[in-house]
Amino acid sequence: MDHALTILSLLERVAGIIDNVQSCQQRMEERQLELENNIKAIQGDVLKLAKDHSDTNGTVEKLLQKTRKVSANVKEVRTRVEKQNVRVKKVESTQDELLTRNKFRVVIYQVRGLHDEMFPLNVKVLYKRG
């Protein structure tokens, strides 16, 4: 009978250990499911971030292209303005030279159209006689 009690007590211990192992295994499975769900959520966030990054990259590329175009236009305008400045300086110097000779006078006027629209300024150089 002592052996039977010892065996029974050992079986109860083994049953307790098995219950404990099953309980731990169930908690581990729950944690595993929780981790899997978290990983899926992270993967979704990473995919969304990658898409947003791609969209942002496209937008930045378009902005850079527009910036390059604007820069090219600014350079072109600057060149035209510099050329125009050179021409204006030549005209001014010619005007000064003619005025110092006292043979010409410059008349600047603006013409109105039929419907009161203004046309650009006109410049006439008149020869002064005698």
Protein backbone atom coordinates (compact mmCIF):
# COMPACT_ATOMS: atom_id res chain seq x y z
CA MET A 1 0.00 0.00 0.00
CA ASP A 2 2.91 2.37 0.60
CA HIS A 3 3.99 1.86 -2.95
CA ALA A 4 0.54 2.64 -4.19
CA LEU A 5 0.49 5.90 -2.20
CA THR A 6 3.95 6.84 -3.45
CA ILE A 7 2.93 6.08 -7.03
CA LEU A 8 -0.29 8.03 -6.54
CA SER A 9 1.62 10.98 -5.09
CA LEU A 10 4.12 10.84 -7.98
CA LEU A 11 1.27 10.70 -10.47
CA GLU A 12 -0.32 13.75 -8.84
CA ARG A 13 3.01 15.57 -9.06
CA VAL A 14 3.41 14.57 -12.70
CA ALA A 15 -0.18 15.70 -13.37
CA GLY A 16 0.57 19.06 -11.68
CA ILE A 17 3.75 19.45 -13.72
CA ILE A 18 1.87 18.57 -16.93
CA ASP A 19 -0.87 21.10 -16.05
CA ASN A 20 1.81 23.72 -15.39
CA VAL A 21 3.54 22.91 -18.70
CA GLN A 22 0.22 23.09 -20.57
CA SER A 23 -0.58 26.42 -18.91
CA CYS A 24 2.84 27.80 -19.87
CA GLN A 25 2.42 26.43 -23.39
CA GLN A 26 -0.99 28.12 -23.71
CA ARG A 27 0.48 31.47 -22.53
CA MET A 28 3.33 31.06 -25.01
CA GLU A 29 0.83 30.39 -27.82
CA GLU A 30 -1.12 33.51 -26.84
CA ARG A 31 2.10 35.55 -26.86
CA GLN A 32 3.02 34.03 -30.21
CA LEU A 33 -0.35 35.10 -31.67
CA GLU A 34 0.06 38.57 -30.19
CA LEU A 35 3.56 38.83 -31.71
CA GLU A 36 2.27 37.64 -35.09
CA ASN A 37 -0.48 40.28 -35.01
CA ASN A 38 2.05 42.97 -34.04
CA ILE A 39 4.37 41.87 -36.85
CA LYS A 40 1.50 42.00 -39.36
CA ALA A 41 0.63 45.51 -38.18
CA ILE A 42 4.28 46.57 -38.48
CA GLN A 43 4.49 45.06 -41.97
CA GLY A 44 1.38 47.01 -42.97
CA ASP A 45 2.89 50.21 -41.57
CA VAL A 46 6.17 49.55 -43.41
CA LEU A 47 4.30 48.98 -46.68
CA LYS A 48 2.34 52.22 -46.17
CA LEU A 49 5.57 54.05 -45.34
CA ALA A 50 7.22 52.66 -48.49
CA LYS A 51 4.26 53.82 -50.61
CA ASP A 52 4.29 57.26 -48.97
CA HIS A 53 8.05 57.44 -49.54
CA SER A 54 7.57 56.57 -53.21
CA ASP A 55 4.84 59.22 -53.56
CA THR A 56 7.04 61.79 -51.82
CA ASN A 57 9.96 60.85 -54.04
CA GLY A 58 7.81 61.44 -57.12
CA THR A 59 6.65 64.80 -55.80
CA VAL A 60 10.20 65.86 -54.95
CA GLU A 61 11.37 64.82 -58.42
CA LYS A 62 8.63 66.94 -60.02
CA LEU A 63 9.58 69.90 -57.82
CA LEU A 64 13.24 69.49 -58.79
CA GLN A 65 12.32 69.45 -62.48
CA LYS A 66 10.25 72.61 -62.04
CA THR A 67 13.11 74.21 -60.11
CA ARG A 68 15.53 73.36 -62.93
CA LYS A 69 13.14 74.88 -65.48
CA VAL A 70 12.72 78.02 -63.38
CA SER A 71 16.48 78.27 -62.95
CA ALA A 72 17.01 77.95 -66.71
CA ASN A 73 14.32 80.59 -67.32
CA VAL A 74 15.91 82.91 -64.75
CA LYS A 75 19.30 82.52 -66.45
CA GLU A 76 17.72 83.23 -69.84
CA VAL A 77 15.90 86.31 -68.51
CA ARG A 78 19.08 87.51 -66.79
CA THR A 79 20.98 87.17 -70.07
CA ARG A 80 18.28 89.07 -71.97
CA VAL A 81 18.21 91.80 -69.31
CA GLU A 82 22.00 92.13 -69.42
CA LYS A 83 21.91 92.41 -73.23
CA GLN A 84 19.12 94.96 -72.98
CA ASN A 85 21.15 96.93 -70.42
CA VAL A 86 24.07 97.00 -72.85
CA ARG A 87 21.78 98.27 -75.62
CA VAL A 88 20.24 100.89 -73.29
CA LYS A 89 23.71 102.10 -72.29
CA LYS A 90 24.68 102.38 -75.97
CA VAL A 91 21.50 104.36 -76.70
CA GLU A 92 22.12 106.60 -73.68
CA SER A 93 25.70 107.23 -74.72
CA THR A 94 24.62 107.98 -78.30
CA GLN A 95 21.90 110.27 -76.96
CA ASP A 96 24.38 112.07 -74.73
CA GLU A 97 26.78 112.47 -77.63
CA LEU A 98 24.07 113.85 -79.90
CA LEU A 99 22.77 116.17 -77.20
CA THR A 100 26.27 117.51 -76.55
CA ARG A 101 26.55 118.30 -80.25
CA ASN A 102 23.23 120.08 -79.80
CA LYS A 103 21.88 118.83 -83.07
CA PHE A 104 19.13 116.50 -81.92
CA ARG A 105 16.46 116.35 -79.34
CA VAL A 106 14.65 113.28 -78.05
CA VAL A 107 10.87 113.22 -77.82
CA ILE A 108 9.25 110.45 -75.80
CA TYR A 109 5.50 110.01 -76.08
CA GLN A 110 2.80 107.43 -75.56
CA VAL A 111 -0.08 106.85 -77.96
CA ARG A 112 -3.64 106.12 -76.89
CA GLY A 113 -5.66 103.69 -78.96
CA LEU A 114 -9.26 103.99 -80.06
CA HIS A 115 -10.55 102.37 -76.88
CA ASP A 116 -8.21 104.19 -74.48
CA GLU A 117 -5.71 101.34 -74.37
CA MET A 118 -2.15 102.51 -73.92
CA PHE A 119 0.53 101.50 -76.41
CA PRO A 120 4.21 101.28 -75.48
CA LEU A 121 6.32 104.40 -75.32
CA ASN A 122 7.61 105.68 -78.64
CA VAL A 123 10.92 107.45 -78.96
CA LYS A 124 11.71 109.84 -81.79
CA VAL A 125 14.95 111.57 -82.39
CA LEU A 126 14.36 114.85 -84.16
CA TYR A 127 17.08 116.62 -86.03
CA LYS A 128 17.44 120.19 -84.91
CA ARG A 129 18.17 122.52 -87.79
CA GLY A 130 20.18 125.62 -87.59
